Protein backbone atom coordinates (compact mmCIF):
# COMPACT_ATOMS: atom_id res chain seq x y z
CA MET A 1 166.91 34.74 331.97
CA ALA A 2 169.45 35.28 335.17
CA ARG A 3 170.47 38.56 335.79
CA HIS A 4 170.54 39.87 339.28
CA SER A 5 167.36 42.10 340.77
CA GLY A 6 168.90 45.45 342.63
CA ILE A 7 167.42 49.28 341.23
CA GLY A 8 169.85 51.69 341.42
CA ALA A 9 169.20 55.45 342.93
CA ARG A 10 169.17 57.06 339.31
CA ALA A 11 166.14 56.39 337.31
CA ALA A 12 164.09 57.82 334.21
CA ALA A 13 164.94 61.67 334.57
CA ALA A 14 168.77 61.26 334.53
CA VAL A 15 168.80 59.79 331.25
CA ALA A 16 165.69 62.22 330.21
CA ALA A 17 168.06 65.19 331.24
CA ALA A 18 170.28 65.80 328.09
CA GLY A 19 167.10 65.45 325.38
CA LEU A 20 164.56 67.34 324.75
CA LEU A 21 162.46 65.08 322.62
CA SER A 22 161.14 62.51 326.11
CA ALA A 23 159.42 65.99 326.77
CA CYS A 24 156.78 66.19 323.86
CA ILE A 25 154.18 65.56 325.75
CA PRO A 26 150.94 63.63 323.98
CA ALA A 27 147.76 66.29 323.95
CA SER A 28 145.49 65.41 326.74
CA GLY A 29 141.48 64.34 325.30
CA GLY A 30 142.64 63.91 321.08
CA THR A 31 140.97 66.26 318.84
CA ASP A 32 138.52 63.89 317.06
CA GLY A 33 135.39 64.93 318.36
CA PRO A 34 131.96 65.70 316.24
CA GLU A 35 133.84 69.07 314.89
CA ARG A 36 136.47 67.06 313.67
CA ALA A 37 135.83 64.20 312.28
CA LEU A 38 137.79 61.19 311.77
CA VAL A 39 139.73 61.26 307.84
CA PRO A 40 138.73 58.16 306.07
CA ASP A 41 140.26 55.93 304.31
CA GLY A 42 140.83 56.32 301.01
CA ALA A 43 140.17 60.19 300.99
CA LYS A 44 142.47 62.17 298.85
CA ALA A 45 145.29 63.71 301.02
CA GLU A 46 146.07 67.33 301.27
CA CYS A 47 149.96 66.67 299.43
CA SER A 48 150.01 64.49 296.46
CA VAL A 49 153.73 65.66 296.00
CA ALA A 50 154.40 64.21 299.11
CA ALA A 51 154.79 60.30 299.38
CA PRO A 52 155.30 57.99 302.05
CA LYS A 53 158.32 57.49 303.25
CA GLY A 54 158.76 53.81 303.30
CA ASP A 55 161.70 51.44 305.09
CA SER A 56 164.84 53.38 306.15
CA LYS A 57 167.63 53.01 308.87
CA ALA A 58 166.02 54.95 311.39
CA ARG A 59 163.37 53.18 312.23
CA GLN A 60 164.25 50.46 314.70
CA VAL A 61 162.52 48.60 317.37
CA ARG A 62 164.07 49.42 320.93
CA GLY A 63 162.36 47.55 323.43
CA MET A 64 163.08 46.47 327.44
CA TRP A 65 162.54 43.39 328.91
CA ILE A 66 159.81 43.84 332.52
CA ALA A 67 160.50 40.68 334.47
CA THR A 68 158.00 40.32 337.23
CA VAL A 69 159.21 36.87 338.08
CA ALA A 70 160.38 36.95 341.96
CA GLY A 71 159.88 40.90 341.61
CA ILE A 72 163.46 40.97 339.51
CA ASP A 73 161.27 44.50 337.89
CA TRP A 74 157.62 44.67 339.09
CA PRO A 75 156.51 44.84 341.39
CA LYS A 76 159.08 45.12 343.44
CA ASP A 77 156.99 44.22 347.19
CA PRO A 78 153.92 42.35 346.59
CA ALA A 79 152.91 44.12 349.78
CA LYS A 80 152.73 47.82 348.81
CA PRO A 81 149.28 49.01 348.49
CA VAL A 82 147.82 48.49 344.40
CA ALA A 83 148.23 52.42 344.32
CA THR A 84 151.89 52.14 344.85
CA GLN A 85 152.78 49.39 342.53
CA GLN A 86 150.51 50.98 339.54
CA ALA A 87 153.07 53.86 340.22
CA GLN A 88 156.47 52.07 339.84
CA PHE A 89 154.97 50.78 337.30
CA ARG A 90 153.90 53.95 335.69
CA LYS A 91 157.69 54.81 336.29
CA LEU A 92 159.08 52.13 334.14
CA LEU A 93 156.72 53.21 331.41
CA ASP A 94 158.38 56.30 331.51
CA THR A 95 161.87 55.16 331.80
CA ALA A 96 161.30 53.89 328.58
CA ARG A 97 159.88 57.27 327.25
CA ALA A 98 163.07 58.82 328.70
CA MET A 99 165.17 56.36 326.55
CA ASN A 100 163.28 57.10 323.47
CA LEU A 101 162.06 53.44 323.67
CA ASN A 102 158.89 52.39 321.54
CA ALA A 103 158.77 49.34 323.07
CA VAL A 104 158.23 46.87 326.44
CA PHE A 105 158.00 42.97 326.82
CA VAL A 106 155.90 42.25 329.69
CA GLN A 107 155.87 39.33 331.82
CA ILE A 108 152.10 38.04 332.03
CA ARG A 109 152.52 34.54 332.84
CA PRO A 110 155.95 33.89 334.61
CA ASN A 111 154.72 30.48 336.01
CA SER A 112 151.74 28.72 335.01
CA ASP A 113 149.99 31.94 336.42
CA ALA A 114 147.92 34.95 335.32
CA PHE A 115 148.58 38.89 335.99
CA TYR A 116 144.85 38.85 334.67
CA PRO A 117 142.03 37.00 335.30
CA SER A 118 142.17 33.28 333.61
CA PRO A 119 139.64 30.63 332.89
CA TYR A 120 142.65 28.76 333.11
CA GLU A 121 145.38 29.28 335.69
CA PRO A 122 145.25 31.31 339.10
CA TRP A 123 146.98 34.55 339.92
CA SER A 124 149.98 35.52 340.52
CA GLN A 125 152.03 35.33 343.71
CA TRP A 126 154.03 37.81 342.59
CA LEU A 127 151.35 40.57 342.43
CA THR A 128 150.11 39.91 346.51
CA GLY A 129 152.21 37.64 347.71
CA THR A 130 150.15 34.84 347.52
CA PRO A 131 149.72 32.35 344.78
CA GLY A 132 146.07 32.55 343.99
CA LYS A 133 145.01 35.32 345.31
CA ASN A 134 142.88 38.16 343.44
CA PRO A 135 145.26 41.69 343.15
CA GLY A 136 141.49 43.56 343.32
CA TYR A 137 142.49 44.50 339.62
CA ASP A 138 143.07 43.82 336.18
CA VAL A 139 146.36 44.24 336.28
CA LEU A 140 146.75 43.10 332.15
CA ASP A 141 144.40 45.16 331.53
CA PHE A 142 146.06 48.31 333.34
CA MET A 143 149.63 48.03 331.86
CA LEU A 144 148.71 47.36 328.46
CA LYS A 145 146.67 50.91 328.69
CA GLU A 146 149.30 52.80 330.67
CA ALA A 147 151.29 51.31 328.00
CA HIS A 148 149.54 52.48 324.52
CA ALA A 149 148.92 55.73 326.24
CA ARG A 150 152.72 56.26 325.69
CA ASN A 151 152.94 54.80 322.39
CA LEU A 152 154.81 52.45 323.26
CA GLU A 153 153.84 48.43 321.98
CA PHE A 154 152.67 45.67 324.46
CA HIS A 155 154.38 42.44 323.82
CA ALA A 156 152.45 39.46 326.75
CA TRP A 157 155.59 37.51 327.68
CA PHE A 158 154.49 34.07 328.53
CA ASN A 159 156.72 30.60 330.08
CA PRO A 160 155.44 27.82 328.64
CA TYR A 161 156.54 25.08 330.61
CA ARG A 162 157.82 27.05 333.92
CA VAL A 163 155.71 26.15 336.77
CA SER A 164 157.64 27.30 340.09
CA ARG A 165 160.81 28.29 341.36
CA SER A 166 160.08 25.91 343.82
CA SER A 167 160.63 22.02 344.10
CA ASP A 168 156.72 22.14 346.92
CA VAL A 169 153.78 21.54 345.08
CA LYS A 170 151.98 22.02 347.70
CA LYS A 171 153.29 25.68 347.83
CA LEU A 172 151.30 26.35 344.50
CA ALA A 173 147.55 27.97 344.28
CA PRO A 174 144.80 25.31 345.39
CA GLY A 175 143.06 25.89 341.86
CA SER A 176 146.24 25.38 340.15
CA PRO A 177 146.92 23.03 337.00
CA ALA A 178 150.04 21.66 338.55
CA ARG A 179 148.16 21.01 341.39
CA GLN A 180 144.69 19.35 339.85
CA HIS A 181 147.09 17.51 337.66
CA PRO A 182 150.65 16.30 339.41
CA ASP A 183 151.34 14.11 336.62
CA TRP A 184 151.78 16.85 334.52
CA VAL A 185 154.29 17.84 336.52
CA ARG A 186 158.32 17.28 336.35
CA LYS A 187 160.74 18.06 339.19
CA TYR A 188 164.11 18.93 337.50
CA GLY A 189 166.97 21.38 339.73
CA THR A 190 165.15 23.17 342.53
CA GLY A 191 161.74 23.71 339.90
CA LEU A 192 159.21 22.64 338.93
CA TRP A 193 157.71 21.90 335.30
CA TYR A 194 155.25 20.89 333.14
CA ASP A 195 156.72 18.15 330.58
CA PRO A 196 156.95 19.21 326.59
CA GLY A 197 155.77 15.90 325.36
CA LEU A 198 152.38 15.80 326.97
CA PRO A 199 149.75 17.15 324.74
CA GLN A 200 147.72 18.17 327.74
CA VAL A 201 150.75 20.78 328.80
CA ARG A 202 150.63 21.88 325.00
CA GLU A 203 147.08 22.71 325.01
CA LEU A 204 147.20 24.30 328.36
CA ALA A 205 149.59 27.00 327.15
CA THR A 206 147.90 27.70 323.82
CA LYS A 207 144.67 28.17 325.30
CA ALA A 208 146.29 30.55 328.20
CA VAL A 209 147.84 32.54 325.46
CA LEU A 210 144.69 32.20 322.99
CA ASP A 211 142.69 33.79 325.94
CA VAL A 212 144.99 36.32 326.32
CA VAL A 213 144.90 37.28 321.88
CA ARG A 214 141.18 37.32 322.37
CA LYS A 215 140.21 39.13 325.11
CA TYR A 216 143.19 42.00 325.29
CA ASP A 217 144.74 44.77 322.72
CA ILE A 218 148.02 43.07 322.74
CA ASP A 219 150.84 43.88 320.12
CA ALA A 220 152.52 40.52 320.39
CA VAL A 221 152.93 37.37 322.21
CA HIS A 222 156.15 36.85 323.30
CA PHE A 223 157.83 33.49 324.69
CA ASP A 224 161.76 33.59 326.17
CA ASP A 225 164.38 31.13 326.38
CA TYR A 226 162.65 28.52 328.24
CA PHE A 227 161.69 25.50 326.40
CA TYR A 228 163.24 22.32 328.45
CA PRO A 229 164.71 23.58 330.77
CA TYR A 230 168.57 24.32 330.85
CA PRO A 231 170.86 21.39 332.00
CA GLU A 232 171.47 21.15 335.53
CA GLY A 233 174.28 18.53 337.02
CA GLY A 234 174.29 16.57 334.48
CA ARG A 235 171.29 14.90 335.14
CA ASP A 236 168.80 14.27 332.47
CA TYR A 237 165.27 15.81 332.49
CA PRO A 238 163.00 13.33 334.20
CA ASP A 239 160.82 12.35 330.87
CA GLN A 240 161.21 8.70 330.38
CA ALA A 241 157.61 7.67 330.94
CA THR A 242 156.08 10.27 328.22
CA PHE A 243 158.76 9.38 325.71
CA LYS A 244 157.82 5.51 325.81
CA THR A 245 154.37 6.45 325.89
CA TYR A 246 154.74 9.04 322.58
CA GLY A 247 158.18 8.42 321.51
CA LYS A 248 157.03 6.41 318.36
CA GLY A 249 161.28 4.88 317.90
CA MET A 250 162.46 8.50 316.93
CA LYS A 251 165.89 9.34 319.27
CA LYS A 252 164.85 10.86 322.11
CA ALA A 253 166.87 14.58 321.46
CA ASP A 254 164.41 14.57 318.36
CA TRP A 255 161.45 13.77 320.14
CA ARG A 256 161.87 16.66 322.38
CA ARG A 257 162.90 18.82 319.75
CA GLN A 258 158.81 18.00 318.03
CA ASN A 259 157.01 18.95 321.01
CA VAL A 260 158.37 21.90 321.13
CA ASP A 261 158.37 22.54 317.25
CA VAL A 262 154.51 21.17 317.60
CA MET A 263 154.11 23.89 320.01
CA VAL A 264 155.60 26.63 318.35
CA GLN A 265 154.02 25.96 315.28
CA GLY A 266 150.21 25.23 316.15
CA LEU A 267 150.41 28.86 318.74
CA SER A 268 151.85 30.83 315.68
CA GLN A 269 148.77 29.15 313.80
CA LYS A 270 146.02 29.58 316.16
CA ILE A 271 147.37 33.29 316.89
CA HIS A 272 147.24 34.48 313.84
CA GLN A 273 143.93 33.18 312.87
CA ALA A 274 142.44 34.95 315.94
CA LYS A 275 143.89 38.50 314.90
CA PRO A 276 146.41 38.28 312.16
CA TRP A 277 147.40 41.45 313.09
CA VAL A 278 148.90 39.72 316.53
CA ARG A 279 153.03 38.82 315.99
CA PHE A 280 154.44 36.05 317.76
CA GLY A 281 157.88 36.42 318.51
CA ILE A 282 161.06 34.33 320.98
CA SER A 283 163.73 35.08 322.55
CA PRO A 284 166.31 32.36 322.36
CA PHE A 285 169.44 31.70 324.01
CA GLY A 286 172.17 33.34 321.70
CA VAL A 287 173.77 30.03 320.82
CA TRP A 288 171.66 27.81 318.41
CA ARG A 289 174.69 25.39 317.72
CA ASN A 290 178.57 25.23 318.14
CA SER A 291 179.80 25.25 314.59
CA THR A 292 182.23 22.22 316.16
CA SER A 293 178.40 20.13 316.41
CA ASP A 294 177.22 21.60 313.21
CA PRO A 295 178.98 23.70 310.49
CA ALA A 296 175.95 25.76 309.91
CA GLY A 297 176.41 26.70 313.99
CA SER A 298 178.19 29.84 314.76
CA ALA A 299 181.82 29.73 315.34
CA THR A 300 181.39 29.56 319.70
CA LYS A 301 182.27 27.46 322.09
CA ALA A 302 179.13 27.65 324.80
CA LEU A 303 175.96 25.63 325.58
CA GLN A 304 173.43 25.40 322.77
CA SER A 305 169.91 25.63 322.39
CA TYR A 306 169.28 23.07 319.69
CA SER A 307 170.50 20.37 322.18
CA ASP A 308 170.29 21.49 325.39
CA GLN A 309 166.96 23.14 325.15
CA TYR A 310 165.33 20.86 322.22
CA ALA A 311 164.22 24.67 320.42
CA ASP A 312 165.45 24.29 316.68
CA THR A 313 165.37 28.25 316.09
CA ARG A 314 166.66 28.83 312.93
CA LYS A 315 164.25 25.95 311.76
CA TRP A 316 161.07 28.21 313.45
CA ILE A 317 163.08 30.77 311.50
CA ARG A 318 163.56 28.96 307.75
CA ASN A 319 159.55 27.91 308.38
CA GLY A 320 157.93 31.22 309.12
CA TRP A 321 156.21 30.32 312.26
CA ILE A 322 157.63 33.00 313.65
CA ASP A 323 157.39 37.01 312.63
CA TYR A 324 160.61 38.11 315.09
CA VAL A 325 163.29 36.94 316.91
CA THR A 326 165.40 38.25 319.84
CA PRO A 327 168.50 35.73 320.52
CA GLN A 328 169.91 36.57 323.63
CA LEU A 329 173.38 37.79 322.72
CA TYR A 330 174.74 38.37 326.02
CA TRP A 331 178.27 38.07 326.08
CA PRO A 332 180.82 40.93 325.23
CA ILE A 333 182.54 41.57 321.34
CA GLY A 334 185.77 39.85 321.79
CA ASP A 335 184.34 37.28 324.28
CA SER A 336 186.65 33.72 323.48
CA ARG A 337 183.63 32.10 323.67
CA ALA A 338 181.06 33.35 322.35
CA ASP A 339 181.74 36.65 320.59
CA TYR A 340 179.22 39.32 320.57
CA ALA A 341 180.24 40.28 317.06
CA ARG A 342 180.34 37.08 315.02
CA LEU A 343 177.04 36.02 316.69
CA VAL A 344 175.64 38.63 315.15
CA ASP A 345 177.10 38.11 311.61
CA TRP A 346 175.64 34.20 312.34
CA TRP A 347 171.81 35.46 313.22
CA ALA A 348 171.76 38.56 310.13
CA ARG A 349 172.37 35.85 307.72
CA GLN A 350 169.90 33.76 309.27
CA VAL A 351 166.86 36.07 308.53
CA ALA A 352 168.18 36.88 305.30
CA GLY A 353 165.55 36.43 302.58
CA THR A 354 163.04 35.40 305.61
CA LYS A 355 160.22 37.64 306.55
CA VAL A 356 161.03 37.80 310.41
CA GLN A 357 162.66 40.25 311.94
CA LEU A 358 166.04 40.61 314.41
CA THR A 359 166.53 42.23 317.39
CA ILE A 360 169.57 41.87 319.42
CA GLY A 361 168.69 41.05 322.82
CA GLN A 362 171.19 42.77 324.87
CA ALA A 363 172.16 42.32 328.41
CA GLY A 364 172.15 45.29 330.46
CA TYR A 365 172.33 43.37 333.37
CA ARG A 366 175.68 42.39 333.59
CA VAL A 367 176.93 46.16 332.95
CA GLY A 368 179.80 46.66 336.15
CA GLU A 369 180.40 42.34 336.45
CA ASP A 370 184.07 42.10 335.59
CA SER A 371 186.54 44.78 333.60
CA THR A 372 184.93 44.26 329.77
CA TRP A 373 181.55 45.27 330.98
CA LYS A 374 182.53 47.87 333.84
CA LYS A 375 183.09 50.27 329.97
CA PRO A 376 179.67 52.12 330.15
CA ALA A 377 180.46 51.93 326.31
CA GLU A 378 180.65 48.42 325.84
CA LEU A 379 176.38 48.04 324.88
CA SER A 380 176.90 51.03 322.62
CA ARG A 381 179.64 49.66 321.48
CA HIS A 382 177.19 46.84 320.22
CA LEU A 383 174.63 49.00 318.33
CA THR A 384 177.68 50.76 316.34
CA LEU A 385 178.45 47.33 315.02
CA ASN A 386 174.60 46.29 314.25
CA GLN A 387 174.98 49.30 312.11
CA ARG A 388 176.59 46.88 309.41
CA TYR A 389 174.39 44.75 309.34
CA PRO A 390 171.22 45.84 307.83
CA GLY A 391 169.11 42.57 308.88
CA VAL A 392 169.41 43.95 312.11
CA ARG A 393 165.86 46.24 313.21
CA GLY A 394 166.68 46.96 316.78
CA ASP A 395 167.30 45.89 320.37
CA VAL A 396 165.67 44.72 323.39
CA TYR A 397 167.75 45.83 327.21
CA PHE A 398 167.84 43.42 329.64
CA SER A 399 165.75 44.46 332.13
CA ALA A 400 163.89 47.65 332.92
CA ALA A 401 165.47 48.10 336.50
CA ASP A 402 168.84 47.95 334.73
CA LEU A 403 168.12 50.50 332.84
CA ALA A 404 166.17 52.93 335.20
CA ALA A 405 169.34 52.31 337.61
CA ASN A 406 171.54 53.83 334.65
CA ARG A 407 174.71 51.68 336.08
CA ARG A 408 178.12 53.48 335.06
CA GLY A 409 175.43 55.66 332.82
CA PHE A 410 175.42 53.21 330.88
CA ALA A 411 172.04 53.74 329.75
CA GLU A 412 172.98 57.59 329.26
CA ARG A 413 175.69 56.44 326.79
CA LEU A 414 172.98 54.86 325.14
CA ARG A 415 170.81 57.73 324.14
CA LYS A 416 173.54 60.05 323.72
CA ASP A 417 175.54 57.46 321.44
CA HIS A 418 171.83 55.93 319.70
CA TYR A 419 168.81 57.48 321.23
CA ALA A 420 168.99 60.91 321.03
CA ARG A 421 165.85 60.85 319.04
CA PRO A 422 162.58 58.74 319.42
CA ALA A 423 162.18 55.78 316.38
CA ILE A 424 159.23 54.15 314.76
CA PRO A 425 159.52 49.89 314.41
CA PRO A 426 159.76 49.26 311.01
CA ALA A 427 156.85 48.67 309.38
CA VAL A 428 156.17 44.32 309.58
CA PRO A 429 156.03 41.97 306.82
CA GLY A 430 153.70 39.70 306.05
CA ARG A 431 150.45 40.76 307.78
CA GLY A 432 149.02 42.62 306.09
CA GLY A 433 147.94 46.13 306.63
CA LYS A 434 148.40 49.55 304.85
CA ALA A 435 149.23 53.05 305.74
CA PRO A 436 146.13 55.24 307.00
CA ALA A 437 145.18 57.85 305.32
CA PRO A 438 147.31 61.17 305.73
CA ALA A 439 146.00 63.03 309.01
CA ARG A 440 144.49 66.50 307.62
CA SER A 441 144.17 70.55 309.51
CA VAL A 442 147.67 70.27 311.08
CA THR A 443 147.62 73.71 313.03
CA ALA A 444 150.98 74.88 315.33
CA GLU A 445 150.28 77.91 317.98
CA SER A 446 152.94 78.86 320.48
CA ASP A 447 151.41 79.42 323.99
CA GLY A 448 154.47 80.81 325.55
CA LYS A 449 155.04 77.31 326.89
CA GLY A 450 155.98 75.85 324.12
CA VAL A 451 154.22 75.01 320.57
CA GLN A 452 150.65 73.21 320.83
CA VAL A 453 150.61 70.65 317.41
CA ARG A 454 147.28 69.35 316.24
CA TRP A 455 145.57 67.60 313.84
CA GLN A 456 142.80 65.83 312.55
CA THR A 457 143.17 61.88 313.02
CA SER A 458 142.68 59.22 310.72
CA LYS A 459 140.29 56.12 310.40
CA ASN A 460 142.35 53.12 311.63
CA ALA A 461 145.38 54.99 313.22
CA THR A 462 146.36 53.75 315.54
CA ALA A 463 149.57 56.54 316.10
CA TYR A 464 151.24 60.04 314.42
CA ALA A 465 154.47 60.61 313.83
CA VAL A 466 155.64 64.28 313.66
CA TYR A 467 157.90 66.08 312.41
CA ARG A 468 159.91 69.04 313.24
CA ALA A 469 162.23 71.13 310.61
CA ASP A 470 163.80 74.35 311.87
CA GLY A 471 162.38 77.72 309.65
CA LYS A 472 159.78 78.22 307.15
CA ARG A 473 159.43 75.29 305.02
CA PRO A 474 157.17 74.59 302.00
CA GLY A 475 153.31 72.89 303.18
CA CYS A 476 153.38 70.04 301.34
CA ALA A 477 157.07 68.47 301.30
CA ALA A 478 158.46 64.52 301.71
CA VAL A 479 159.83 63.90 305.45
CA ASP A 480 163.26 63.78 306.81
CA THR A 481 163.11 61.01 309.45
CA GLY A 482 165.97 62.63 311.39
CA THR A 483 163.92 65.61 311.98
CA LEU A 484 161.55 63.00 313.59
CA LEU A 485 160.67 65.15 317.17
CA ALA A 486 157.41 62.24 318.72
CA SER A 487 155.24 58.67 317.74
CA VAL A 488 152.19 59.81 319.63
CA ARG A 489 148.64 58.49 319.66
CA GLY A 490 145.94 60.84 319.42
CA GLY A 491 145.16 64.39 318.14
CA GLY A 492 148.05 66.64 319.54
CA VAL A 493 151.13 67.05 321.41
CA THR A 494 152.76 69.35 323.32
CA ASP A 495 156.38 70.33 322.39
CA PRO A 496 158.27 72.34 324.88
CA SER A 497 161.82 72.04 323.35
CA ALA A 498 160.29 74.53 320.84
CA LYS A 499 163.10 77.86 321.41
CA PRO A 500 161.62 81.23 321.59
CA GLY A 501 161.94 83.27 318.36
CA LYS A 502 162.67 80.47 316.72
CA ALA A 503 160.56 79.38 313.02
CA TYR A 504 159.10 75.59 313.25
CA THR A 505 157.50 73.93 310.82
CA TYR A 506 155.74 70.67 311.57
CA TYR A 507 154.79 67.52 309.96
CA VAL A 508 152.15 64.51 310.47
CA THR A 509 152.50 61.46 309.19
CA ALA A 510 149.63 58.67 310.36
CA LEU A 511 150.73 54.81 311.17
CA ASP A 512 148.73 51.64 311.75
CA ARG A 513 149.32 49.64 314.06
CA LEU A 514 152.41 47.25 311.95
CA HIS A 515 153.94 50.89 311.38
CA HIS A 516 152.79 51.51 307.49
CA GLU A 517 153.09 54.65 307.04
CA SER A 518 151.00 57.58 305.31
CA ALA A 519 152.06 60.36 303.57
CA PRO A 520 152.39 63.53 305.49
CA GLY A 521 149.87 65.96 305.61
CA ARG A 522 150.27 69.71 304.86
CA GLY A 523 152.79 71.12 307.21
CA ALA A 524 152.64 73.92 310.06
CA THR A 525 154.69 77.08 310.11
CA VAL A 526 154.96 78.91 313.34
CA THR A 527 157.81 81.60 315.28
CA VAL A 528 158.20 80.55 318.60
CA ARG A 529 156.26 83.78 321.23
CA GLY A 530 159.47 85.51 322.85
CA GLY A 531 162.70 86.00 322.38
């Protein structure tokens, strides 16, 4: 993923200003104490006539990448105190909430290093400025808790093969596996890379990922587009010796693809064996193959991930090795080399009939670059086009700093045109899970500052969706997705946008961590004070 890195002056307040819904505040403390025990599984619902809503177009993944390599998004300055760094991270998450996003994709292993205490790799230099230096706290644990407190899914983003942006091994931390095993490392371009053809390299990446899966409550493991490195200077990747040892009579290109396939398939199996609910997703370069190379490819004239990075994403989809795919479609509509519209159509056809969810990687970093990208509505046009394809289940933006910068007002435009209300991600197919028991005992009280909505929480529920209908409505009724007010964790929410003198009816549903939604509990009606 390539981008520029400046953060502009306008931040979350700008994108939040137009909307009421980002202002909903999760109640502190929750309500699941001894006096309000958890609603058990199988408990009789308060409302037998209101069925669960199920899937709909309103369900979307809305995410942003938070890149840590070179401080692209965070931390901007490793010399700053921990408290300052943490405040900056919270600000990025608040930007996500202000935009009504529901997921963050956070880079925690940028260069064979770690944003957490790892038994396999050193602390990342991007935290303190010094490779291997302990920042004094568990960074991943902090990030994860802050994201979940805002009910943002946390996709832990790993780079499996990249070692360093510098070609000097001596600049790595003394405990780096790359210094301990220099025979695993290849110099290519301006950086260092592990050789994907070595079983030891695949084992290291697998151990690093599974260590996080087992120790932390992440929602997904995420890889980006870096497998074999992008071609540089017309030179071939220097793995001839490895190929001679392991190639076994294969063509080198096929062998390289097999190396990546083995990693992807094996890691997928191990992730799901460890925790079946943790997803595995990949965000490849946006072109698999051009149709001039393969009739099954897209009508494009661009670099091909299949033959340039040896990433056969189409195969991974067809074999169900990944749970979601987020191709980086970083071109505008009508681009002569790679038309966004044609690529969305191509990718939607690849996931059709599979359980793999498709989300689109969007180029927030490109806004302002040229005549097309100077139009603040270009990305909004992308989302409008996506609506033609039921298989497109959302969008992820590269990257967080660009959304916060809101150059040319593009983030405000996205929120106004498409993200005026929050969204629940679509339920995850093929990974088990079920809707929790419906929340009970919903109450709504006006306190002069808004409406306090509370409920009795349910066992095995991760989050709750709060819907607000105008006026007095039946206590038992199906919810309208167009009235979604907030999606939060815990047992309550404050709605400061309720207008004095108006009556509202609030309904609450419970969701498991894979977004299966219960029927609503009995609604609560309140007339707001004043007016």
